[in-house]
Amino acid sequence: MEERRFTEEELQQYNGKEGKRAFVAYDGKVYDVSNSFLWQNGRHQAMHTAGADLTTSLNQAPHSANLLEEFPIVGMLVED
């Protein structure tokens, strides 16, 4: 099975709002965080939003990016 590729524009559609899945990207990988209670309505701790590349902003989080490993990888983030 071939891995799905997301552009930033496509990733933005998965913002966790109005019943949509909540996807976030980090270091080129796209994770599905939809089932996490911490990502309700596509927001996490009023700091991060779903449908975005969190590679730079996770440096501000009180936890490491390793927590994303708990979520399924649904694809890769590619340049437009």
C-alpha atoms as a PDB file:
ATOM      1  CA  MET A   1       0.000   0.000   0.000  1.00  0.00           C
ATOM      2  CA  GLU A   2       1.387   3.375  -1.016  1.00  0.00           C
ATOM      3  CA  GLU A   3       1.647   6.086   1.626  1.00  0.00           C
ATOM      4  CA  ARG A   4      -0.603   9.086   1.136  1.00  0.00           C
ATOM      5  CA  ARG A   5       1.058  12.412   0.368  1.00  0.00           C
ATOM      6  CA  PHE A   6      -0.373  15.677   1.699  1.00  0.00           C
ATOM      7  CA  THR A   7       0.431  19.198   0.604  1.00  0.00           C
ATOM      8  CA  GLU A   8       0.028  21.893   3.278  1.00  0.00           C
ATOM      9  CA  GLU A   9      -3.195  22.966   1.557  1.00  0.00           C
ATOM     10  CA  GLU A  10      -4.593  19.425   1.716  1.00  0.00           C
ATOM     11  CA  LEU A  11      -3.513  19.031   5.335  1.00  0.00           C
ATOM     12  CA  GLN A  12      -5.458  22.174   6.299  1.00  0.00           C
ATOM     13  CA  GLN A  13      -8.694  20.393   5.361  1.00  0.00           C
ATOM     14  CA  TYR A  14      -8.177  17.979   8.272  1.00  0.00           C
ATOM     15  CA  ASN A  15      -8.725  20.564  10.977  1.00  0.00           C
ATOM     16  CA  GLY A  16     -10.933  18.506  13.314  1.00  0.00           C
ATOM     17  CA  LYS A  17     -13.907  20.860  12.953  1.00  0.00           C
ATOM     18  CA  GLU A  18     -17.479  19.994  11.927  1.00  0.00           C
ATOM     19  CA  GLY A  19     -16.855  16.248  12.080  1.00  0.00           C
ATOM     20  CA  LYS A  20     -13.637  16.283  10.047  1.00  0.00           C
ATOM     21  CA  ARG A  21     -10.634  14.177  11.041  1.00  0.00           C
ATOM     22  CA  ALA A  22      -7.829  15.979  12.898  1.00  0.00           C
ATOM     23  CA  PHE A  23      -4.389  15.534  11.303  1.00  0.00           C
ATOM     24  CA  VAL A  24      -1.131  17.225  12.257  1.00  0.00           C
ATOM     25  CA  ALA A  25       2.282  17.058  10.632  1.00  0.00           C
ATOM     26  CA  TYR A  26       5.625  16.833  12.353  1.00  0.00           C
ATOM     27  CA  ASP A  27       9.015  16.336  10.720  1.00  0.00           C
ATOM     28  CA  GLY A  28       7.432  15.317   7.409  1.00  0.00           C
ATOM     29  CA  LYS A  29       5.015  12.753   8.859  1.00  0.00           C
ATOM     30  CA  VAL A  30       1.242  13.280   9.090  1.00  0.00           C
ATOM     31  CA  TYR A  31      -0.447  11.901  12.215  1.00  0.00           C
ATOM     32  CA  ASP A  32      -4.142  11.279  12.881  1.00  0.00           C
ATOM     33  CA  VAL A  33      -4.919  12.746  16.336  1.00  0.00           C
ATOM     34  CA  SER A  34      -8.696  12.567  15.868  1.00  0.00           C
ATOM     35  CA  ASN A  35      -9.281  10.053  18.674  1.00  0.00           C
ATOM     36  CA  SER A  36      -7.397  12.028  21.310  1.00  0.00           C
ATOM     37  CA  PHE A  37      -9.529  13.875  23.855  1.00  0.00           C
ATOM     38  CA  LEU A  38      -6.717  16.447  23.955  1.00  0.00           C
ATOM     39  CA  TRP A  39      -7.478  17.395  20.332  1.00  0.00           C
ATOM     40  CA  GLN A  40     -11.221  18.059  20.659  1.00  0.00           C
ATOM     41  CA  ASN A  41     -12.559  20.290  17.878  1.00  0.00           C
ATOM     42  CA  GLY A  42      -9.091  20.438  16.327  1.00  0.00           C
ATOM     43  CA  ARG A  43      -7.417  22.408  19.135  1.00  0.00           C
ATOM     44  CA  HIS A  44      -4.802  21.335  21.648  1.00  0.00           C
ATOM     45  CA  GLN A  45      -4.198  23.416  24.768  1.00  0.00           C
ATOM     46  CA  ALA A  46      -5.187  26.622  22.929  1.00  0.00           C
ATOM     47  CA  MET A  47      -1.713  26.529  21.383  1.00  0.00           C
ATOM     48  CA  HIS A  48      -1.905  24.145  18.455  1.00  0.00           C
ATOM     49  CA  THR A  49      -4.502  23.570  15.769  1.00  0.00           C
ATOM     50  CA  ALA A  50      -5.105  20.502  13.651  1.00  0.00           C
ATOM     51  CA  GLY A  51      -4.517  20.729   9.932  1.00  0.00           C
ATOM     52  CA  ALA A  52      -1.094  22.293  10.447  1.00  0.00           C
ATOM     53  CA  ASP A  53       2.594  21.453  10.385  1.00  0.00           C
ATOM     54  CA  LEU A  54       3.724  21.534  14.025  1.00  0.00           C
ATOM     55  CA  THR A  55       7.411  20.975  13.358  1.00  0.00           C
ATOM     56  CA  THR A  56       8.454  24.405  14.639  1.00  0.00           C
ATOM     57  CA  SER A  57       5.709  25.086  17.162  1.00  0.00           C
ATOM     58  CA  LEU A  58       6.242  21.874  19.132  1.00  0.00           C
ATOM     59  CA  ASN A  59       9.462  23.388  20.432  1.00  0.00           C
ATOM     60  CA  GLN A  60       7.210  25.527  22.669  1.00  0.00           C
ATOM     61  CA  ALA A  61       5.272  22.543  24.062  1.00  0.00           C
ATOM     62  CA  PRO A  62       5.908  21.298  27.606  1.00  0.00           C
ATOM     63  CA  HIS A  63       6.366  17.768  26.223  1.00  0.00           C
ATOM     64  CA  SER A  64       8.497  16.228  23.517  1.00  0.00           C
ATOM     65  CA  ALA A  65       7.332  15.326  20.035  1.00  0.00           C
ATOM     66  CA  ASN A  66       7.672  11.664  21.019  1.00  0.00           C
ATOM     67  CA  LEU A  67       4.045  11.770  22.173  1.00  0.00           C
ATOM     68  CA  LEU A  68       3.005  11.828  18.528  1.00  0.00           C
ATOM     69  CA  GLU A  69       4.338   8.284  18.173  1.00  0.00           C
ATOM     70  CA  GLU A  70       1.176   7.126  19.983  1.00  0.00           C
ATOM     71  CA  PHE A  71      -0.909   8.162  16.971  1.00  0.00           C
ATOM     72  CA  PRO A  72      -1.206   6.488  13.577  1.00  0.00           C
ATOM     73  CA  ILE A  73       0.826   7.896  10.718  1.00  0.00           C
ATOM     74  CA  VAL A  74      -1.504   8.484   7.761  1.00  0.00           C
ATOM     75  CA  GLY A  75       0.980   9.900   5.275  1.00  0.00           C
ATOM     76  CA  MET A  76       3.790  12.278   4.502  1.00  0.00           C
ATOM     77  CA  LEU A  77       3.823  16.064   4.128  1.00  0.00           C
ATOM     78  CA  VAL A  78       5.212  17.166   0.767  1.00  0.00           C
ATOM     79  CA  GLU A  79       5.887  20.556  -0.771  1.00  0.00           C
ATOM     80  CA  ASP A  80       3.257  21.952  -3.133  1.00  0.00           C
END
